[in-house]
Amino acid sequence: GSSPMGIGVYGVTINGTSGEFAVLLDN
C-alpha cells in the first residue's frame, strides 16, 4: 500500500468480536 496523501492500507472489522483482526499478519 502506498499513498502520497492518505493511507496506503486501511483495515476495519465490523463486528469487533474476539478473534477478528482489521489486519492479520502471518509470515
PDB file of all heavy atoms in Angstrom:
ATOM      1  N   GLY A   1       0.831  -1.203   0.000  1.00  0.00           N
ATOM      2  CA  GLY A   1       0.000   0.000   0.000  1.00  0.00           C
ATOM      3  C   GLY A   1       0.858   1.242   0.000  1.00  0.00           C
ATOM      4  O   GLY A   1       1.798   1.378   0.776  1.00  0.00           O
ATOM      5  N   SER A   2       0.540   2.167  -0.878  1.00  0.00           N
ATOM      6  CA  SER A   2       1.301   3.408  -0.961  1.00  0.00           C
ATOM      7  C   SER A   2       0.341   4.540  -1.288  1.00  0.00           C
ATOM      8  O   SER A   2      -0.518   4.404  -2.164  1.00  0.00           O
ATOM      9  CB  SER A   2       2.387   3.307  -2.034  1.00  0.00           C
ATOM     10  OG  SER A   2       3.057   4.539  -2.184  1.00  0.00           O
ATOM     11  N   SER A   3       0.457   5.650  -0.573  1.00  0.00           N
ATOM     12  CA  SER A   3      -0.412   6.785  -0.828  1.00  0.00           C
ATOM     13  C   SER A   3       0.341   8.072  -0.544  1.00  0.00           C
ATOM     14  O   SER A   3       0.917   8.222   0.525  1.00  0.00           O
ATOM     15  CB  SER A   3      -1.661   6.718   0.062  1.00  0.00           C
ATOM     16  OG  SER A   3      -2.432   7.895  -0.086  1.00  0.00           O
ATOM     17  N   PRO A   4       0.376   9.006  -1.499  1.00  0.00           N
ATOM     18  CA  PRO A   4       1.073  10.273  -1.252  1.00  0.00           C
ATOM     19  C   PRO A   4       0.267  11.239  -0.393  1.00  0.00           C
ATOM     20  O   PRO A   4       0.805  12.222   0.081  1.00  0.00           O
ATOM     21  CB  PRO A   4       1.274  10.843  -2.661  1.00  0.00           C
ATOM     22  CG  PRO A   4       0.123  10.292  -3.433  1.00  0.00           C
ATOM     23  CD  PRO A   4      -0.131   8.920  -2.873  1.00  0.00           C
ATOM     24  N   MET A   5      -1.040  10.942  -0.188  1.00  0.00           N
ATOM     25  CA  MET A   5      -1.889  11.913   0.507  1.00  0.00           C
ATOM     26  C   MET A   5      -2.611  11.324   1.704  1.00  0.00           C
ATOM     27  O   MET A   5      -2.885  12.034   2.672  1.00  0.00           O
ATOM     28  CB  MET A   5      -2.937  12.492  -0.459  1.00  0.00           C
ATOM     29  CG  MET A   5      -2.354  13.220  -1.652  1.00  0.00           C
ATOM     30  SD  MET A   5      -3.629  13.675  -2.836  1.00  0.00           S
ATOM     31  CE  MET A   5      -4.691  14.722  -1.844  1.00  0.00           C
ATOM     32  N   GLY A   6      -2.951  10.034   1.671  1.00  0.00           N
ATOM     33  CA  GLY A   6      -3.790   9.491   2.728  1.00  0.00           C
ATOM     34  C   GLY A   6      -3.203   8.259   3.364  1.00  0.00           C
ATOM     35  O   GLY A   6      -2.132   8.301   3.948  1.00  0.00           O
ATOM     36  N   ILE A   7      -3.866   7.100   3.189  1.00  0.00           N
ATOM     37  CA  ILE A   7      -3.492   5.852   3.839  1.00  0.00           C
ATOM     38  C   ILE A   7      -3.174   4.810   2.789  1.00  0.00           C
ATOM     39  O   ILE A   7      -3.941   4.623   1.846  1.00  0.00           O
ATOM     40  CB  ILE A   7      -4.641   5.366   4.749  1.00  0.00           C
ATOM     41  CG1 ILE A   7      -4.937   6.423   5.816  1.00  0.00           C
ATOM     42  CG2 ILE A   7      -4.303   4.032   5.386  1.00  0.00           C
ATOM     43  CD1 ILE A   7      -6.154   6.111   6.645  1.00  0.00           C
ATOM     44  N   GLY A   8      -2.043   4.114   2.959  1.00  0.00           N
ATOM     45  CA  GLY A   8      -1.664   3.087   1.996  1.00  0.00           C
ATOM     46  C   GLY A   8      -2.539   1.853   2.107  1.00  0.00           C
ATOM     47  O   GLY A   8      -3.113   1.398   1.130  1.00  0.00           O
ATOM     48  N   VAL A   9      -2.658   1.293   3.295  1.00  0.00           N
ATOM     49  CA  VAL A   9      -3.507   0.134   3.549  1.00  0.00           C
ATOM     50  C   VAL A   9      -4.344   0.436   4.775  1.00  0.00           C
ATOM     51  O   VAL A   9      -3.809   0.839   5.802  1.00  0.00           O
ATOM     52  CB  VAL A   9      -2.678  -1.147   3.779  1.00  0.00           C
ATOM     53  CG1 VAL A   9      -3.590  -2.309   4.148  1.00  0.00           C
ATOM     54  CG2 VAL A   9      -1.859  -1.474   2.538  1.00  0.00           C
ATOM     55  N   TYR A  10      -5.656   0.245   4.685  1.00  0.00           N
ATOM     56  CA  TYR A  10      -6.560   0.570   5.789  1.00  0.00           C
ATOM     57  C   TYR A  10      -7.466  -0.615   6.049  1.00  0.00           C
ATOM     58  O   TYR A  10      -8.085  -1.142   5.131  1.00  0.00           O
ATOM     59  CB  TYR A  10      -7.397   1.797   5.416  1.00  0.00           C
ATOM     60  CG  TYR A  10      -8.346   2.276   6.491  1.00  0.00           C
ATOM     61  CD1 TYR A  10      -7.889   3.061   7.534  1.00  0.00           C
ATOM     62  CD2 TYR A  10      -9.694   1.948   6.454  1.00  0.00           C
ATOM     63  CE1 TYR A  10      -8.747   3.512   8.512  1.00  0.00           C
ATOM     64  CE2 TYR A  10     -10.562   2.390   7.434  1.00  0.00           C
ATOM     65  CZ  TYR A  10     -10.090   3.172   8.469  1.00  0.00           C
ATOM     66  OH  TYR A  10     -10.952   3.609   9.439  1.00  0.00           O
ATOM     67  N   GLY A  11      -7.504  -1.091   7.302  1.00  0.00           N
ATOM     68  CA  GLY A  11      -8.313  -2.255   7.633  1.00  0.00           C
ATOM     69  C   GLY A  11      -9.316  -1.948   8.723  1.00  0.00           C
ATOM     70  O   GLY A  11      -9.004  -1.273   9.691  1.00  0.00           O
ATOM     71  N   VAL A  12     -10.551  -2.446   8.563  1.00  0.00           N
ATOM     72  CA  VAL A  12     -11.614  -2.225   9.544  1.00  0.00           C
ATOM     73  C   VAL A  12     -12.355  -3.537   9.748  1.00  0.00           C
ATOM     74  O   VAL A  12     -12.676  -4.236   8.792  1.00  0.00           O
ATOM     75  CB  VAL A  12     -12.612  -1.141   9.061  1.00  0.00           C
ATOM     76  CG1 VAL A  12     -13.747  -0.993  10.065  1.00  0.00           C
ATOM     77  CG2 VAL A  12     -11.911   0.186   8.873  1.00  0.00           C
ATOM     78  N   THR A  13     -12.626  -3.909  11.001  1.00  0.00           N
ATOM     79  CA  THR A  13     -13.514  -5.027  11.289  1.00  0.00           C
ATOM     80  C   THR A  13     -14.865  -4.472  11.700  1.00  0.00           C
ATOM     81  O   THR A  13     -14.951  -3.444  12.365  1.00  0.00           O
ATOM     82  CB  THR A  13     -12.965  -5.915  12.415  1.00  0.00           C
ATOM     83  OG1 THR A  13     -12.750  -5.100  13.570  1.00  0.00           O
ATOM     84  CG2 THR A  13     -11.675  -6.567  12.012  1.00  0.00           C
ATOM     85  N   ILE A  14     -15.950  -5.164  11.292  1.00  0.00           N
ATOM     86  CA  ILE A  14     -17.299  -4.648  11.529  1.00  0.00           C
ATOM     87  C   ILE A  14     -17.847  -5.108  12.869  1.00  0.00           C
ATOM     88  O   ILE A  14     -18.318  -4.324  13.668  1.00  0.00           O
ATOM     89  CB  ILE A  14     -18.241  -5.077  10.384  1.00  0.00           C
ATOM     90  CG1 ILE A  14     -17.742  -4.492   9.059  1.00  0.00           C
ATOM     91  CG2 ILE A  14     -19.674  -4.636  10.666  1.00  0.00           C
ATOM     92  CD1 ILE A  14     -18.536  -4.932   7.864  1.00  0.00           C
ATOM     93  N   ASN A  15     -17.774  -6.421  13.130  1.00  0.00           N
ATOM     94  CA  ASN A  15     -18.340  -6.938  14.382  1.00  0.00           C
ATOM     95  C   ASN A  15     -17.535  -6.514  15.592  1.00  0.00           C
ATOM     96  O   ASN A  15     -18.089  -6.191  16.632  1.00  0.00           O
ATOM     97  CB  ASN A  15     -18.410  -8.473  14.344  1.00  0.00           C
ATOM     98  CG  ASN A  15     -19.561  -8.963  13.497  1.00  0.00           C
ATOM     99  OD1 ASN A  15     -20.540  -8.250  13.322  1.00  0.00           O
ATOM    100  ND2 ASN A  15     -19.441 -10.159  12.966  1.00  0.00           N
ATOM    101  N   GLY A  16     -16.214  -6.537  15.486  1.00  0.00           N
ATOM    102  CA  GLY A  16     -15.375  -6.183  16.603  1.00  0.00           C
ATOM    103  C   GLY A  16     -15.332  -7.224  17.696  1.00  0.00           C
ATOM    104  O   GLY A  16     -15.005  -6.920  18.841  1.00  0.00           O
ATOM    105  N   THR A  17     -15.692  -8.479  17.388  1.00  0.00           N
ATOM    106  CA  THR A  17     -15.678  -9.528  18.395  1.00  0.00           C
ATOM    107  C   THR A  17     -14.276 -10.093  18.541  1.00  0.00           C
ATOM    108  O   THR A  17     -13.384  -9.811  17.750  1.00  0.00           O
ATOM    109  CB  THR A  17     -16.649 -10.658  18.010  1.00  0.00           C
ATOM    110  OG1 THR A  17     -16.262 -11.175  16.731  1.00  0.00           O
ATOM    111  CG2 THR A  17     -18.069 -10.137  17.949  1.00  0.00           C
ATOM    112  N   SER A  18     -14.104 -10.913  19.585  1.00  0.00           N
ATOM    113  CA  SER A  18     -12.802 -11.515  19.845  1.00  0.00           C
ATOM    114  C   SER A  18     -12.382 -12.385  18.671  1.00  0.00           C
ATOM    115  O   SER A  18     -13.181 -13.138  18.120  1.00  0.00           O
ATOM    116  CB  SER A  18     -12.869 -12.340  21.125  1.00  0.00           C
ATOM    117  OG  SER A  18     -11.643 -13.008  21.348  1.00  0.00           O
ATOM    118  N   GLY A  19     -11.123 -12.292  18.285  1.00  0.00           N
ATOM    119  CA  GLY A  19     -10.605 -13.104  17.197  1.00  0.00           C
ATOM    120  C   GLY A  19     -10.692 -12.440  15.840  1.00  0.00           C
ATOM    121  O   GLY A  19     -10.236 -13.003  14.861  1.00  0.00           O
ATOM    122  N   GLU A  20     -11.303 -11.240  15.755  1.00  0.00           N
ATOM    123  CA  GLU A  20     -11.351 -10.521  14.486  1.00  0.00           C
ATOM    124  C   GLU A  20     -10.187  -9.546  14.422  1.00  0.00           C
ATOM    125  O   GLU A  20      -9.808  -8.933  15.413  1.00  0.00           O
ATOM    126  CB  GLU A  20     -12.676  -9.765  14.340  1.00  0.00           C
ATOM    127  CG  GLU A  20     -13.857 -10.668  14.040  1.00  0.00           C
ATOM    128  CD  GLU A  20     -15.048  -9.864  13.536  1.00  0.00           C
ATOM    129  OE1 GLU A  20     -14.969  -8.631  13.549  1.00  0.00           O
ATOM    130  OE2 GLU A  20     -16.029 -10.485  13.133  1.00  0.00           O
ATOM    131  N   PHE A  21      -9.621  -9.406  13.242  1.00  0.00           N
ATOM    132  CA  PHE A  21      -8.477  -8.538  13.058  1.00  0.00           C
ATOM    133  C   PHE A  21      -8.740  -7.619  11.864  1.00  0.00           C
ATOM    134  O   PHE A  21      -9.194  -8.076  10.823  1.00  0.00           O
ATOM    135  CB  PHE A  21      -7.194  -9.343  12.807  1.00  0.00           C
ATOM    136  CG  PHE A  21      -6.855 -10.300  13.921  1.00  0.00           C
ATOM    137  CD1 PHE A  21      -7.364 -11.587  13.905  1.00  0.00           C
ATOM    138  CD2 PHE A  21      -6.053  -9.907  14.962  1.00  0.00           C
ATOM    139  CE1 PHE A  21      -7.057 -12.474  14.918  1.00  0.00           C
ATOM    140  CE2 PHE A  21      -5.736 -10.788  15.980  1.00  0.00           C
ATOM    141  CZ  PHE A  21      -6.252 -12.078  15.956  1.00  0.00           C
ATOM    142  N   ALA A  22      -8.453  -6.326  12.047  1.00  0.00           N
ATOM    143  CA  ALA A  22      -8.515  -5.423  10.906  1.00  0.00           C
ATOM    144  C   ALA A  22      -7.421  -5.785   9.904  1.00  0.00           C
ATOM    145  O   ALA A  22      -7.634  -5.810   8.705  1.00  0.00           O
ATOM    146  CB  ALA A  22      -8.363  -3.973  11.356  1.00  0.00           C
ATOM    147  N   VAL A  23      -6.245  -6.106  10.405  1.00  0.00           N
ATOM    148  CA  VAL A  23      -5.143  -6.582   9.571  1.00  0.00           C
ATOM    149  C   VAL A  23      -4.486  -7.741  10.308  1.00  0.00           C
ATOM    150  O   VAL A  23      -4.083  -7.591  11.457  1.00  0.00           O
ATOM    151  CB  VAL A  23      -4.104  -5.470   9.309  1.00  0.00           C
ATOM    152  CG1 VAL A  23      -2.943  -6.028   8.481  1.00  0.00           C
ATOM    153  CG2 VAL A  23      -4.738  -4.289   8.593  1.00  0.00           C
ATOM    154  N   LEU A  24      -4.411  -8.903   9.692  1.00  0.00           N
ATOM    155  CA  LEU A  24      -3.779 -10.074  10.282  1.00  0.00           C
ATOM    156  C   LEU A  24      -2.506 -10.388   9.510  1.00  0.00           C
ATOM    157  O   LEU A  24      -2.535 -10.534   8.291  1.00  0.00           O
ATOM    158  CB  LEU A  24      -4.719 -11.282  10.253  1.00  0.00           C
ATOM    159  CG  LEU A  24      -4.122 -12.622  10.724  1.00  0.00           C
ATOM    160  CD1 LEU A  24      -3.679 -12.517  12.170  1.00  0.00           C
ATOM    161  CD2 LEU A  24      -5.129 -13.745  10.549  1.00  0.00           C
ATOM    162  N   LEU A  25      -1.388 -10.460  10.207  1.00  0.00           N
ATOM    163  CA  LEU A  25      -0.104 -10.685   9.582  1.00  0.00           C
ATOM    164  C   LEU A  25       0.442 -12.027  10.031  1.00  0.00           C
ATOM    165  O   LEU A  25       0.551 -12.297  11.220  1.00  0.00           O
ATOM    166  CB  LEU A  25       0.883  -9.579   9.968  1.00  0.00           C
ATOM    167  CG  LEU A  25       0.416  -8.150   9.685  1.00  0.00           C
ATOM    168  CD1 LEU A  25       1.354  -7.156  10.321  1.00  0.00           C
ATOM    169  CD2 LEU A  25       0.303  -7.900   8.202  1.00  0.00           C
ATOM    170  N   ASP A  26       0.771 -12.890   9.086  1.00  0.00           N
ATOM    171  CA  ASP A  26       1.321 -14.205   9.390  1.00  0.00           C
ATOM    172  C   ASP A  26       2.332 -14.541   8.309  1.00  0.00           C
ATOM    173  O   ASP A  26       1.965 -14.759   7.162  1.00  0.00           O
ATOM    174  CB  ASP A  26       0.200 -15.245   9.447  1.00  0.00           C
ATOM    175  CG  ASP A  26       0.694 -16.601   9.935  1.00  0.00           C
ATOM    176  OD1 ASP A  26       1.907 -16.715  10.199  1.00  0.00           O
ATOM    177  OD2 ASP A  26      -0.125 -17.523  10.045  1.00  0.00           O
ATOM    178  N   ASN A  27       3.595 -14.534   8.676  1.00  0.00           N
ATOM    179  CA  ASN A  27       4.624 -14.677   7.669  1.00  0.00           C
ATOM    180  C   ASN A  27       5.864 -15.308   8.311  1.00  0.00           C
ATOM    181  O   ASN A  27       6.233 -14.917   9.413  1.00  0.00           O
ATOM    182  CB  ASN A  27       4.991 -13.299   7.089  1.00  0.00           C
ATOM    183  CG  ASN A  27       5.943 -13.417   5.902  1.00  0.00           C
ATOM    184  OD1 ASN A  27       5.831 -14.332   5.104  1.00  0.00           O
ATOM    185  ND2 ASN A  27       6.872 -12.496   5.802  1.00  0.00           N
TER     186      ASN A  27
END
